[in-house]
Protein backbone atom coordinates (compact mmCIF):
# COMPACT_ATOMS: atom_id res chain seq x y z
CA UNK A 1 166.39 209.32 251.83
CA UNK A 2 166.49 207.38 248.21
CA UNK A 3 162.53 208.02 248.70
CA UNK A 4 162.32 211.54 249.02
CA UNK A 5 164.38 212.50 246.66
CA UNK A 6 162.48 210.52 244.09
CA UNK A 7 159.37 212.64 245.63
CA UNK A 8 161.16 216.21 245.20
CA UNK A 9 162.26 214.85 241.51
CA UNK A 10 159.19 214.14 241.22
CA UNK A 11 157.70 217.34 242.32
CA UNK A 12 159.96 219.01 240.11
CA UNK A 13 159.39 217.20 237.19
CA UNK A 14 155.56 218.74 237.76
CA UNK A 15 157.22 221.96 238.33
CA UNK A 16 159.23 222.50 234.89
CA UNK A 17 156.79 220.63 232.85
CA UNK A 18 154.32 223.12 233.83
CA UNK A 19 156.15 225.90 232.99
CA UNK A 20 157.23 224.36 229.55
CA UNK A 21 153.35 223.65 228.71
CA UNK A 22 153.48 228.00 228.56
CA UNK A 23 152.24 228.65 232.00
CA UNK A 24 154.07 231.67 231.15
CA UNK A 25 153.57 234.65 233.74
CA UNK A 26 151.11 238.02 232.31
CA UNK A 27 153.09 241.19 232.66
CA UNK A 28 151.67 244.29 231.63
CA UNK A 29 154.08 247.24 229.68
CA UNK A 30 152.12 249.78 230.79
CA UNK A 31 153.02 253.16 228.62
CA UNK A 32 151.24 256.28 229.30
CA UNK A 33 152.02 258.03 225.65
CA UNK A 34 149.17 258.95 223.52
CA UNK A 35 151.09 259.15 220.42
CA UNK A 36 154.15 256.93 218.15
CA UNK A 37 156.05 255.50 218.97
CA UNK A 38 154.92 254.96 222.33
CA UNK A 39 151.77 254.83 222.27
CA UNK A 40 149.68 250.98 222.45
CA UNK A 41 146.23 252.09 220.71
CA UNK A 42 145.76 254.27 217.62
CA UNK A 43 149.00 253.52 215.64
CA UNK A 44 149.78 250.44 213.38
CA UNK A 45 152.07 248.30 215.97
CA UNK A 46 154.94 248.12 213.68
CA UNK A 47 155.05 251.88 215.33
CA UNK A 48 154.27 251.23 218.49
CA UNK A 49 157.76 250.63 220.27
CA UNK A 50 155.53 249.17 223.73
CA UNK A 51 154.26 246.78 221.17
CA UNK A 52 157.32 245.99 219.28
CA UNK A 53 158.98 245.92 223.18
CA UNK A 54 156.07 243.57 224.52
CA UNK A 55 156.75 241.39 222.02
CA UNK A 56 160.34 241.18 222.35
CA UNK A 57 160.80 240.49 225.90
CA UNK A 58 158.47 237.47 225.75
CA UNK A 59 160.07 236.63 223.15
CA UNK A 60 163.20 236.21 225.06
CA UNK A 61 162.15 235.15 228.15
CA UNK A 62 161.47 231.40 226.46
CA UNK A 63 158.23 230.77 227.88
CA UNK A 64 158.73 232.62 231.54
CA UNK A 65 156.37 235.65 230.62
CA UNK A 66 154.08 237.14 228.79
CA UNK A 67 154.47 241.22 228.26
CA UNK A 68 151.43 242.71 227.00
CA UNK A 69 151.91 246.30 225.68
CA UNK A 70 149.17 248.72 227.41
CA UNK A 71 148.42 252.11 226.95
CA UNK A 72 147.13 253.69 230.41
CA UNK A 73 146.42 257.51 230.78
CA UNK A 74 149.12 259.14 233.22
CA UNK A 75 147.11 260.04 236.30
CA UNK A 76 145.24 256.21 236.48
CA UNK A 77 148.98 255.05 236.22
CA UNK A 78 150.20 257.25 239.35
CA UNK A 79 147.56 255.68 240.99
CA UNK A 80 148.00 251.92 240.32
CA UNK A 81 152.19 252.98 241.46
CA UNK A 82 151.15 254.07 244.14
CA UNK A 83 149.76 251.01 245.49
CA UNK A 84 151.99 248.63 247.81
CA UNK A 85 150.51 245.71 245.57
CA UNK A 86 150.80 247.15 242.16
CA UNK A 87 152.22 244.28 239.27
CA UNK A 88 153.62 244.69 235.77
CA UNK A 89 156.18 247.43 234.42
CA UNK A 90 156.20 250.71 233.44
CA UNK A 91 158.23 251.70 230.16
CA UNK A 92 159.93 254.59 229.02
CA UNK A 93 160.32 256.23 231.95
CA UNK A 94 162.41 258.28 234.20
CA UNK A 95 163.02 258.24 237.97
CA UNK A 96 162.52 262.11 238.19
CA UNK A 97 158.71 261.95 236.64
CA UNK A 98 157.43 259.44 239.06
CA UNK A 99 158.74 261.06 242.27
CA UNK A 100 161.76 258.41 242.55
CA UNK A 101 165.43 261.07 241.86
CA UNK A 102 166.84 258.56 244.73
CA UNK A 103 164.99 255.76 243.09
CA UNK A 104 163.96 254.11 246.52
CA UNK A 105 160.09 253.92 245.52
CA UNK A 106 160.51 251.34 242.87
CA UNK A 107 163.08 248.95 241.08
CA UNK A 108 164.73 250.78 237.81
CA UNK A 109 166.38 249.46 234.50
CA UNK A 110 169.91 250.46 233.25
CA UNK A 111 168.55 253.14 230.21
CA UNK A 112 167.09 252.21 227.64
CA UNK A 113 167.20 254.94 225.47
CA UNK A 114 168.19 258.79 224.73
CA UNK A 115 165.26 261.41 224.38
CA UNK A 116 164.74 265.10 224.19
CA UNK A 117 162.13 267.53 224.06
CA UNK A 118 161.11 270.44 221.44
CA UNK A 119 159.27 273.47 221.87
CA UNK A 120 156.91 274.53 218.95
CA UNK A 121 155.39 277.67 217.83
CA UNK A 122 153.93 279.10 214.53
CA UNK A 123 156.25 280.64 212.34
CA UNK A 124 154.15 283.94 212.15
CA UNK A 125 154.93 284.59 215.76
CA UNK A 126 158.56 284.78 216.14
CA UNK A 127 159.06 283.33 219.28
CA UNK A 128 162.64 283.10 220.90
CA UNK A 129 164.12 279.78 222.06
CA UNK A 130 164.82 280.07 225.22
CA UNK A 131 161.84 281.68 226.86
CA UNK A 132 163.29 283.82 229.56
CA UNK A 133 161.26 287.14 229.95
CA UNK A 134 158.58 287.31 227.48
CA UNK A 135 156.82 290.62 227.26
CA UNK A 136 153.05 288.80 227.65
CA UNK A 137 151.97 285.83 229.17
CA UNK A 138 152.64 282.75 226.94
CA UNK A 139 150.09 279.94 226.62
CA UNK A 140 151.79 276.99 226.77
CA UNK A 141 149.78 273.57 225.56
CA UNK A 142 150.94 270.76 227.20
CA UNK A 143 149.73 267.04 228.05
CA UNK A 144 148.02 266.22 231.30
CA UNK A 145 150.13 264.56 233.63
CA UNK A 146 153.13 265.26 232.33
CA UNK A 147 156.03 267.47 234.31
CA UNK A 148 158.48 270.10 232.10
CA UNK A 149 161.19 270.74 234.76
CA UNK A 150 163.16 273.23 232.39
CA UNK A 151 159.64 274.98 231.66
CA UNK A 152 158.32 274.75 235.56
CA UNK A 153 160.19 278.29 236.62
CA UNK A 154 158.49 280.13 233.76
CA UNK A 155 154.80 278.54 234.58
CA UNK A 156 155.40 279.34 238.43
CA UNK A 157 155.93 282.72 237.74
CA UNK A 158 152.80 283.16 235.66
CA UNK A 159 155.05 283.56 232.14
CA UNK A 160 153.57 280.78 230.53
CA UNK A 161 149.83 279.76 231.21
CA UNK A 162 149.91 275.96 230.57
CA UNK A 163 146.86 274.87 229.23
CA UNK A 164 146.64 270.61 229.00
CA UNK A 165 145.31 268.24 225.87
CA UNK A 166 145.31 264.70 226.30
CA UNK A 167 147.17 263.68 223.10
CA UNK A 168 150.38 265.41 221.26
CA UNK A 169 148.32 265.53 217.85
CA UNK A 170 145.21 267.50 219.94
CA UNK A 171 148.15 269.90 220.79
CA UNK A 172 149.54 270.58 217.69
CA UNK A 173 145.99 271.29 216.57
CA UNK A 174 145.59 273.82 218.74
CA UNK A 175 148.57 275.54 217.96
CA UNK A 176 147.68 275.63 214.03
CA UNK A 177 144.36 277.55 215.28
CA UNK A 178 146.25 279.58 217.44
CA UNK A 179 144.83 278.23 220.78
CA UNK A 180 147.94 278.00 222.33
CA UNK A 181 151.52 279.81 221.64
CA UNK A 182 154.23 277.26 221.51
CA UNK A 183 153.70 273.38 222.40
CA UNK A 184 156.18 270.77 223.96
CA UNK A 185 156.59 267.42 222.01
CA UNK A 186 159.40 264.29 222.05
CA UNK A 187 161.76 264.63 219.56
CA UNK A 188 160.90 260.83 218.87
CA UNK A 189 157.44 261.42 217.86
CA UNK A 190 158.51 264.62 215.94
CA UNK A 191 158.62 262.34 212.77
CA UNK A 192 155.14 260.72 213.26
CA UNK A 193 153.36 263.82 214.02
CA UNK A 194 154.65 265.91 210.52
CA UNK A 195 152.69 262.65 209.32
CA UNK A 196 149.79 263.60 210.78
CA UNK A 197 149.76 266.79 210.30
CA UNK A 198 150.74 267.05 206.47
CA UNK A 199 151.37 271.16 206.55
CA UNK A 200 153.10 271.01 209.70
CA UNK A 201 156.27 272.37 208.10
CA UNK A 202 154.88 274.93 206.20
CA UNK A 203 153.64 276.66 209.19
CA UNK A 204 155.34 275.25 212.64
CA UNK A 205 158.65 276.48 214.04
CA UNK A 206 160.93 273.86 215.61
CA UNK A 207 163.11 275.43 217.45
CA UNK A 208 166.60 274.51 217.18
CA UNK A 209 167.91 275.25 220.47
CA UNK A 210 168.08 272.01 221.83
CA UNK A 211 166.41 271.07 225.11
CA UNK A 212 168.99 268.94 227.12
CA UNK A 213 168.51 264.63 226.05
CA UNK A 214 167.14 263.35 228.96
CA UNK A 215 166.78 259.57 229.48
CA UNK A 216 164.08 257.09 229.28
CA UNK A 217 164.00 253.62 231.89
CA UNK A 218 162.02 250.58 232.87
CA UNK A 219 160.80 250.55 236.44
CA UNK A 220 158.26 247.42 238.44
CA UNK A 221 157.51 247.18 241.86
CA UNK A 222 160.49 246.68 244.79
CA UNK A 223 158.09 243.24 245.04
CA UNK A 224 159.33 241.84 241.74
CA UNK A 225 163.59 241.70 241.75
CA UNK A 226 163.71 238.62 239.90
CA UNK A 227 161.45 240.32 236.95
CA UNK A 228 164.07 243.21 237.28
CA UNK A 229 167.29 240.64 237.28
CA UNK A 230 165.14 239.48 233.78
CA UNK A 231 164.84 243.11 232.66
CA UNK A 232 168.20 244.09 233.40
CA UNK A 233 169.73 240.66 231.26
CA UNK A 234 167.50 241.14 228.01
CA UNK A 235 168.31 245.27 228.04
CA UNK A 236 172.37 243.84 227.53
CA UNK A 237 170.93 241.89 224.30
CA UNK A 238 168.40 244.67 223.42
CA UNK A 239 171.34 246.88 222.96
CA UNK A 240 173.21 244.24 220.65
CA UNK A 241 169.92 243.40 218.51
CA UNK A 242 170.11 245.09 214.91
CA UNK A 243 166.20 245.92 214.94
CA UNK A 244 166.56 248.08 217.79
CA UNK A 245 169.20 250.28 216.67
CA UNK A 246 167.12 253.51 216.76
CA UNK A 247 166.59 253.34 220.60
CA UNK A 248 170.63 254.33 220.95
CA UNK A 249 170.99 258.06 220.27
CA UNK A 250 168.67 261.09 221.33
CA UNK A 251 166.45 261.90 218.04
CA UNK A 252 167.25 265.60 216.68
CA UNK A 253 164.25 267.73 215.67
């Protein structure tokens, strides 16, 4: 019996030694957004919440996990999470956007932050929001793979003709050059887009009518309950961290 205990202790020491030596599990932290603050590519790392969150979660795990920020087109991300054996964590998501309103398909964290959409048009058009029954069909600039619940009835009735682009900046430029009549942006991205389009406030009109706020979460596969336990514990610390204070309020346009 004593010999068995010695062997067990030796094996436990080897396992602990491997973890301590840096055998951290790699975890992809996915974002399907192409605009700051959630984009990974094409923006400075300090402006990417996803890059910063990956580094913060890695530090919080004390060597257990190494999170790697990855930008993934929404349609490709849909295919990834549809696989039974997928791994990783999707950030900045909502159960309604991933066909999981009952939270049965995936494991969801507590709320990470609040956000809201904003509707933007051209000042010269004097569009009134909400658009209940426009006199003509309006062209809506959206993002491929994104679902706009509040506008879907108008889209279904043909009052809004949706034309998708790959990113928010492309949509803003399409609006500026009259290729669409209105665009949907995230309030959290509006400040960044204003810096990218220097004359934005000279021609664009951000609707003063606030759209409903919504929550953003993390989710992972149901095969990763231990990972979700860690994420839940980490989010408790995140809520108290001064460097993440900007996540606590739904941004205003």
